[in-house]
């Protein structure tokens, strides 16, 4: 009997996790976070154009992330 603290995922779950992690692109997620921060600051300062541009960028990057999953 296995020790519960030494639980190991089965091989199918390992392969699924490797495929998922292989698709992650940290630069895109960092860009989404930075654009969100800039959009928030733009809202606070009343810079509507900056906020709208950042939100459009977030939408475009999110669409790119979703397309890479398929």
PDB file of N, CA and C in Angstrom:
ATOM      1  N   UNK A   1       0.841  -1.178   0.000  1.00  0.00           N
ATOM      2  CA  UNK A   1       0.000   0.000   0.000  1.00  0.00           C
ATOM      3  C   UNK A   1       0.887   1.242   0.000  1.00  0.00           C
ATOM      4  N   UNK A   2       0.498   2.227  -0.815  1.00  0.00           N
ATOM      5  CA  UNK A   2       1.278   3.455  -0.914  1.00  0.00           C
ATOM      6  C   UNK A   2       1.021   4.375   0.262  1.00  0.00           C
ATOM      7  N   UNK A   3       2.038   5.086   0.602  1.00  0.00           N
ATOM      8  CA  UNK A   3       1.914   6.109   1.628  1.00  0.00           C
ATOM      9  C   UNK A   3       1.123   7.280   1.024  1.00  0.00           C
ATOM     10  N   UNK A   4       0.062   7.788   1.680  1.00  0.00           N
ATOM     11  CA  UNK A   4      -0.752   8.873   1.105  1.00  0.00           C
ATOM     12  C   UNK A   4       0.039  10.143   0.831  1.00  0.00           C
ATOM     13  N   UNK A   5       1.128  10.360   1.548  1.00  0.00           N
ATOM     14  CA  UNK A   5       1.922  11.565   1.306  1.00  0.00           C
ATOM     15  C   UNK A   5       2.771  11.441   0.055  1.00  0.00           C
ATOM     16  N   UNK A   6       2.897  10.235  -0.483  1.00  0.00           N
ATOM     17  CA  UNK A   6       3.685  10.010  -1.685  1.00  0.00           C
ATOM     18  C   UNK A   6       2.785   9.726  -2.886  1.00  0.00           C
ATOM     19  N   UNK A   7       1.634  10.389  -2.937  1.00  0.00           N
ATOM     20  CA  UNK A   7       0.694  10.181  -4.032  1.00  0.00           C
ATOM     21  C   UNK A   7       1.335  10.619  -5.346  1.00  0.00           C
ATOM     22  N   UNK A   8       1.171   9.822  -6.350  1.00  0.00           N
ATOM     23  CA  UNK A   8       1.743  10.119  -7.670  1.00  0.00           C
ATOM     24  C   UNK A   8       0.612  10.082  -8.686  1.00  0.00           C
ATOM     25  N   UNK A   9       0.566  11.100  -9.560  1.00  0.00           N
ATOM     26  CA  UNK A   9      -0.426  11.096 -10.621  1.00  0.00           C
ATOM     27  C   UNK A   9      -0.149   9.930 -11.558  1.00  0.00           C
ATOM     28  N   UNK A  10      -1.207   9.410 -12.153  1.00  0.00           N
ATOM     29  CA  UNK A  10      -0.962   8.351 -13.122  1.00  0.00           C
ATOM     30  C   UNK A  10      -0.369   8.951 -14.396  1.00  0.00           C
ATOM     31  N   UNK A  11       0.103   8.111 -15.291  1.00  0.00           N
ATOM     32  CA  UNK A  11       0.850   8.589 -16.463  1.00  0.00           C
ATOM     33  C   UNK A  11      -0.001   9.463 -17.383  1.00  0.00           C
ATOM     34  N   UNK A  12      -1.284   9.179 -17.517  1.00  0.00           N
ATOM     35  CA  UNK A  12      -2.141   9.989 -18.375  1.00  0.00           C
ATOM     36  C   UNK A  12      -2.262  11.406 -17.842  1.00  0.00           C
ATOM     37  N   UNK A  13      -2.387  11.552 -16.548  1.00  0.00           N
ATOM     38  CA  UNK A  13      -2.488  12.883 -15.959  1.00  0.00           C
ATOM     39  C   UNK A  13      -1.164  13.627 -16.109  1.00  0.00           C
ATOM     40  N   UNK A  14      -0.038  12.913 -15.999  1.00  0.00           N
ATOM     41  CA  UNK A  14       1.271  13.539 -16.192  1.00  0.00           C
ATOM     42  C   UNK A  14       1.408  14.082 -17.615  1.00  0.00           C
ATOM     43  N   UNK A  15       1.001  13.289 -18.607  1.00  0.00           N
ATOM     44  CA  UNK A  15       1.096  13.732 -19.996  1.00  0.00           C
ATOM     45  C   UNK A  15       0.196  14.934 -20.252  1.00  0.00           C
ATOM     46  N   UNK A  16      -1.004  14.918 -19.675  1.00  0.00           N
ATOM     47  CA  UNK A  16      -1.918  16.045 -19.846  1.00  0.00           C
ATOM     48  C   UNK A  16      -1.320  17.304 -19.232  1.00  0.00           C
ATOM     49  N   UNK A  17      -0.736  17.187 -18.050  1.00  0.00           N
ATOM     50  CA  UNK A  17      -0.140  18.332 -17.387  1.00  0.00           C
ATOM     51  C   UNK A  17       1.042  18.872 -18.183  1.00  0.00           C
ATOM     52  N   UNK A  18       1.855  17.981 -18.751  1.00  0.00           N
ATOM     53  CA  UNK A  18       2.997  18.416 -19.563  1.00  0.00           C
ATOM     54  C   UNK A  18       2.540  19.164 -20.810  1.00  0.00           C
ATOM     55  N   UNK A  19       1.469  18.685 -21.441  1.00  0.00           N
ATOM     56  CA  UNK A  19       0.952  19.391 -22.617  1.00  0.00           C
ATOM     57  C   UNK A  19       0.432  20.760 -22.236  1.00  0.00           C
ATOM     58  N   UNK A  20      -0.259  20.856 -21.102  1.00  0.00           N
ATOM     59  CA  UNK A  20      -0.812  22.136 -20.669  1.00  0.00           C
ATOM     60  C   UNK A  20       0.302  23.120 -20.337  1.00  0.00           C
ATOM     61  N   UNK A  21       1.307  22.671 -19.606  1.00  0.00           N
ATOM     62  CA  UNK A  21       2.395  23.554 -19.218  1.00  0.00           C
ATOM     63  C   UNK A  21       3.213  23.940 -20.451  1.00  0.00           C
ATOM     64  N   UNK A  22       3.305  23.071 -21.425  1.00  0.00           N
ATOM     65  CA  UNK A  22       4.016  23.393 -22.649  1.00  0.00           C
ATOM     66  C   UNK A  22       3.360  24.511 -23.440  1.00  0.00           C
ATOM     67  N   UNK A  23       2.052  24.713 -23.262  1.00  0.00           N
ATOM     68  CA  UNK A  23       1.336  25.752 -23.994  1.00  0.00           C
ATOM     69  C   UNK A  23       1.340  27.097 -23.271  1.00  0.00           C
ATOM     70  N   UNK A  24       1.719  27.118 -22.015  1.00  0.00           N
ATOM     71  CA  UNK A  24       1.728  28.379 -21.284  1.00  0.00           C
ATOM     72  C   UNK A  24       2.828  29.283 -21.815  1.00  0.00           C
ATOM     73  N   UNK A  25       2.468  30.518 -22.057  1.00  0.00           N
ATOM     74  CA  UNK A  25       3.463  31.489 -22.494  1.00  0.00           C
ATOM     75  C   UNK A  25       3.492  32.625 -21.484  1.00  0.00           C
ATOM     76  N   UNK A  26       4.497  32.638 -20.635  1.00  0.00           N
ATOM     77  CA  UNK A  26       4.533  33.615 -19.545  1.00  0.00           C
ATOM     78  C   UNK A  26       4.537  35.059 -20.028  1.00  0.00           C
ATOM     79  N   UNK A  27       5.122  35.330 -21.191  1.00  0.00           N
ATOM     80  CA  UNK A  27       5.158  36.713 -21.657  1.00  0.00           C
ATOM     81  C   UNK A  27       3.768  37.235 -21.982  1.00  0.00           C
ATOM     82  N   UNK A  28       2.867  36.359 -22.450  1.00  0.00           N
ATOM     83  CA  UNK A  28       1.501  36.802 -22.747  1.00  0.00           C
ATOM     84  C   UNK A  28       0.751  37.082 -21.452  1.00  0.00           C
ATOM     85  N   UNK A  29       0.894  36.211 -20.453  1.00  0.00           N
ATOM     86  CA  UNK A  29       0.211  36.449 -19.191  1.00  0.00           C
ATOM     87  C   UNK A  29       0.757  37.678 -18.476  1.00  0.00           C
ATOM     88  N   UNK A  30       2.062  37.911 -18.574  1.00  0.00           N
ATOM     89  CA  UNK A  30       2.645  39.117 -17.997  1.00  0.00           C
ATOM     90  C   UNK A  30       2.105  40.355 -18.708  1.00  0.00           C
ATOM     91  N   UNK A  31       1.963  40.278 -20.026  1.00  0.00           N
ATOM     92  CA  UNK A  31       1.407  41.400 -20.785  1.00  0.00           C
ATOM     93  C   UNK A  31      -0.026  41.687 -20.379  1.00  0.00           C
ATOM     94  N   UNK A  32      -0.817  40.643 -20.172  1.00  0.00           N
ATOM     95  CA  UNK A  32      -2.211  40.839 -19.749  1.00  0.00           C
ATOM     96  C   UNK A  32      -2.259  41.510 -18.380  1.00  0.00           C
ATOM     97  N   UNK A  33      -1.404  41.087 -17.479  1.00  0.00           N
ATOM     98  CA  UNK A  33      -1.384  41.687 -16.138  1.00  0.00           C
ATOM     99  C   UNK A  33      -0.949  43.147 -16.215  1.00  0.00           C
ATOM    100  N   UNK A  34       0.109  43.429 -16.976  1.00  0.00           N
ATOM    101  CA  UNK A  34       0.578  44.810 -17.090  1.00  0.00           C
ATOM    102  C   UNK A  34      -0.461  45.707 -17.765  1.00  0.00           C
ATOM    103  N   UNK A  35      -1.104  45.209 -18.807  1.00  0.00           N
ATOM    104  CA  UNK A  35      -2.153  45.996 -19.449  1.00  0.00           C
ATOM    105  C   UNK A  35      -3.313  46.255 -18.496  1.00  0.00           C
ATOM    106  N   UNK A  36      -3.624  45.278 -17.660  1.00  0.00           N
ATOM    107  CA  UNK A  36      -4.679  45.476 -16.662  1.00  0.00           C
ATOM    108  C   UNK A  36      -4.315  46.551 -15.665  1.00  0.00           C
ATOM    109  N   UNK A  37      -3.063  46.574 -15.234  1.00  0.00           N
ATOM    110  CA  UNK A  37      -2.621  47.604 -14.292  1.00  0.00           C
ATOM    111  C   UNK A  37      -2.661  48.984 -14.948  1.00  0.00           C
ATOM    112  N   UNK A  38      -2.161  49.070 -16.180  1.00  0.00           N
ATOM    113  CA  UNK A  38      -2.180  50.353 -16.892  1.00  0.00           C
ATOM    114  C   UNK A  38      -3.620  50.820 -17.121  1.00  0.00           C
ATOM    115  N   UNK A  39      -4.515  49.893 -17.467  1.00  0.00           N
ATOM    116  CA  UNK A  39      -5.923  50.252 -17.668  1.00  0.00           C
ATOM    117  C   UNK A  39      -6.533  50.762 -16.371  1.00  0.00           C
ATOM    118  N   UNK A  40      -6.207  50.135 -15.256  1.00  0.00           N
ATOM    119  CA  UNK A  40      -6.740  50.571 -13.965  1.00  0.00           C
ATOM    120  C   UNK A  40      -6.247  51.967 -13.617  1.00  0.00           C
ATOM    121  N   UNK A  41      -4.957  52.203 -13.823  1.00  0.00           N
ATOM    122  CA  UNK A  41      -4.408  53.533 -13.551  1.00  0.00           C
ATOM    123  C   UNK A  41      -5.030  54.559 -14.493  1.00  0.00           C
ATOM    124  N   UNK A  42      -5.225  54.175 -15.742  1.00  0.00           N
ATOM    125  CA  UNK A  42      -5.878  55.070 -16.695  1.00  0.00           C
ATOM    126  C   UNK A  42      -7.284  55.429 -16.270  1.00  0.00           C
ATOM    127  N   UNK A  43      -8.015  54.465 -15.704  1.00  0.00           N
ATOM    128  CA  UNK A  43      -9.367  54.764 -15.204  1.00  0.00           C
ATOM    129  C   UNK A  43      -9.307  55.761 -14.056  1.00  0.00           C
ATOM    130  N   UNK A  44      -8.357  55.550 -13.142  1.00  0.00           N
ATOM    131  CA  UNK A  44      -8.246  56.444 -11.991  1.00  0.00           C
ATOM    132  C   UNK A  44      -7.877  57.866 -12.401  1.00  0.00           C
ATOM    133  N   UNK A  45      -7.047  57.995 -13.429  1.00  0.00           N
ATOM    134  CA  UNK A  45      -6.581  59.311 -13.884  1.00  0.00           C
ATOM    135  C   UNK A  45      -7.521  59.951 -14.908  1.00  0.00           C
ATOM    136  N   UNK A  46      -8.545  59.229 -15.335  1.00  0.00           N
ATOM    137  CA  UNK A  46      -9.498  59.768 -16.299  1.00  0.00           C
ATOM    138  C   UNK A  46      -9.011  59.719 -17.738  1.00  0.00           C
ATOM    139  N   UNK A  47      -8.071  58.855 -18.031  1.00  0.00           N
ATOM    140  CA  UNK A  47      -7.543  58.717 -19.392  1.00  0.00           C
ATOM    141  C   UNK A  47      -8.309  57.610 -20.112  1.00  0.00           C
ATOM    142  N   UNK A  48      -9.426  57.969 -20.673  1.00  0.00           N
ATOM    143  CA  UNK A  48     -10.323  56.996 -21.286  1.00  0.00           C
ATOM    144  C   UNK A  48      -9.669  56.273 -22.465  1.00  0.00           C
ATOM    145  N   UNK A  49      -8.924  57.018 -23.280  1.00  0.00           N
ATOM    146  CA  UNK A  49      -8.314  56.420 -24.471  1.00  0.00           C
ATOM    147  C   UNK A  49      -7.299  55.347 -24.096  1.00  0.00           C
ATOM    148  N   UNK A  50      -6.511  55.620 -23.064  1.00  0.00           N
ATOM    149  CA  UNK A  50      -5.518  54.648 -22.614  1.00  0.00           C
ATOM    150  C   UNK A  50      -6.212  53.403 -22.084  1.00  0.00           C
ATOM    151  N   UNK A  51      -7.252  53.598 -21.300  1.00  0.00           N
ATOM    152  CA  UNK A  51      -7.987  52.472 -20.732  1.00  0.00           C
ATOM    153  C   UNK A  51      -8.605  51.607 -21.820  1.00  0.00           C
ATOM    154  N   UNK A  52      -9.229  52.243 -22.806  1.00  0.00           N
ATOM    155  CA  UNK A  52      -9.862  51.491 -23.898  1.00  0.00           C
ATOM    156  C   UNK A  52      -8.814  50.728 -24.696  1.00  0.00           C
ATOM    157  N   UNK A  53      -7.677  51.354 -24.963  1.00  0.00           N
ATOM    158  CA  UNK A  53      -6.613  50.671 -25.692  1.00  0.00           C
ATOM    159  C   UNK A  53      -6.087  49.458 -24.934  1.00  0.00           C
ATOM    160  N   UNK A  54      -5.926  49.598 -23.630  1.00  0.00           N
ATOM    161  CA  UNK A  54      -5.435  48.478 -22.819  1.00  0.00           C
ATOM    162  C   UNK A  54      -6.451  47.345 -22.760  1.00  0.00           C
ATOM    163  N   UNK A  55      -7.712  47.692 -22.631  1.00  0.00           N
ATOM    164  CA  UNK A  55      -8.752  46.657 -22.606  1.00  0.00           C
ATOM    165  C   UNK A  55      -8.800  45.920 -23.944  1.00  0.00           C
ATOM    166  N   UNK A  56      -8.652  46.659 -25.041  1.00  0.00           N
ATOM    167  CA  UNK A  56      -8.617  46.007 -26.358  1.00  0.00           C
ATOM    168  C   UNK A  56      -7.409  45.081 -26.464  1.00  0.00           C
ATOM    169  N   UNK A  57      -6.281  45.500 -25.922  1.00  0.00           N
ATOM    170  CA  UNK A  57      -5.094  44.650 -25.923  1.00  0.00           C
ATOM    171  C   UNK A  57      -5.296  43.385 -25.108  1.00  0.00           C
ATOM    172  N   UNK A  58      -5.944  43.515 -23.964  1.00  0.00           N
ATOM    173  CA  UNK A  58      -6.229  42.352 -23.120  1.00  0.00           C
ATOM    174  C   UNK A  58      -7.126  41.372 -23.866  1.00  0.00           C
ATOM    175  N   UNK A  59      -8.132  41.897 -24.537  1.00  0.00           N
ATOM    176  CA  UNK A  59      -9.045  41.036 -25.293  1.00  0.00           C
ATOM    177  C   UNK A  59      -8.302  40.320 -26.417  1.00  0.00           C
ATOM    178  N   UNK A  60      -7.439  41.033 -27.126  1.00  0.00           N
ATOM    179  CA  UNK A  60      -6.686  40.420 -28.224  1.00  0.00           C
ATOM    180  C   UNK A  60      -5.737  39.338 -27.709  1.00  0.00           C
ATOM    181  N   UNK A  61      -5.065  39.593 -26.600  1.00  0.00           N
ATOM    182  CA  UNK A  61      -4.151  38.593 -26.045  1.00  0.00           C
ATOM    183  C   UNK A  61      -4.909  37.385 -25.501  1.00  0.00           C
ATOM    184  N   UNK A  62      -6.056  37.630 -24.867  1.00  0.00           N
ATOM    185  CA  UNK A  62      -6.858  36.517 -24.360  1.00  0.00           C
ATOM    186  C   UNK A  62      -7.353  35.646 -25.517  1.00  0.00           C
ATOM    187  N   UNK A  63      -7.714  36.289 -26.616  1.00  0.00           N
ATOM    188  CA  UNK A  63      -8.135  35.532 -27.789  1.00  0.00           C
ATOM    189  C   UNK A  63      -6.986  34.687 -28.325  1.00  0.00           C
ATOM    190  N   UNK A  64      -5.793  35.239 -28.309  1.00  0.00           N
ATOM    191  CA  UNK A  64      -4.614  34.490 -28.749  1.00  0.00           C
ATOM    192  C   UNK A  64      -4.365  33.291 -27.870  1.00  0.00           C
ATOM    193  N   UNK A  65      -4.530  33.456 -26.550  1.00  0.00           N
ATOM    194  CA  UNK A  65      -4.334  32.353 -25.617  1.00  0.00           C
ATOM    195  C   UNK A  65      -5.372  31.266 -25.866  1.00  0.00           C
ATOM    196  N   UNK A  66      -6.621  31.643 -26.099  1.00  0.00           N
ATOM    197  CA  UNK A  66      -7.671  30.659 -26.351  1.00  0.00           C
ATOM    198  C   UNK A  66      -7.447  29.920 -27.668  1.00  0.00           C
ATOM    199  N   UNK A  67      -6.957  30.626 -28.689  1.00  0.00           N
ATOM    200  CA  UNK A  67      -6.707  29.966 -29.967  1.00  0.00           C
ATOM    201  C   UNK A  67      -5.548  28.989 -29.890  1.00  0.00           C
ATOM    202  N   UNK A  68      -4.596  29.247 -29.024  1.00  0.00           N
ATOM    203  CA  UNK A  68      -3.456  28.336 -28.915  1.00  0.00           C
ATOM    204  C   UNK A  68      -3.842  27.042 -28.201  1.00  0.00           C
ATOM    205  N   UNK A  69      -4.953  27.031 -27.470  1.00  0.00           N
ATOM    206  CA  UNK A  69      -5.410  25.826 -26.771  1.00  0.00           C
ATOM    207  C   UNK A  69      -5.988  24.798 -27.728  1.00  0.00           C
ATOM    208  N   UNK A  70      -6.504  25.230 -28.861  1.00  0.00           N
ATOM    209  CA  UNK A  70      -7.151  24.296 -29.763  1.00  0.00           C
ATOM    210  C   UNK A  70      -6.193  23.689 -30.729  1.00  0.00           C
TER     211      UNK A  70
END
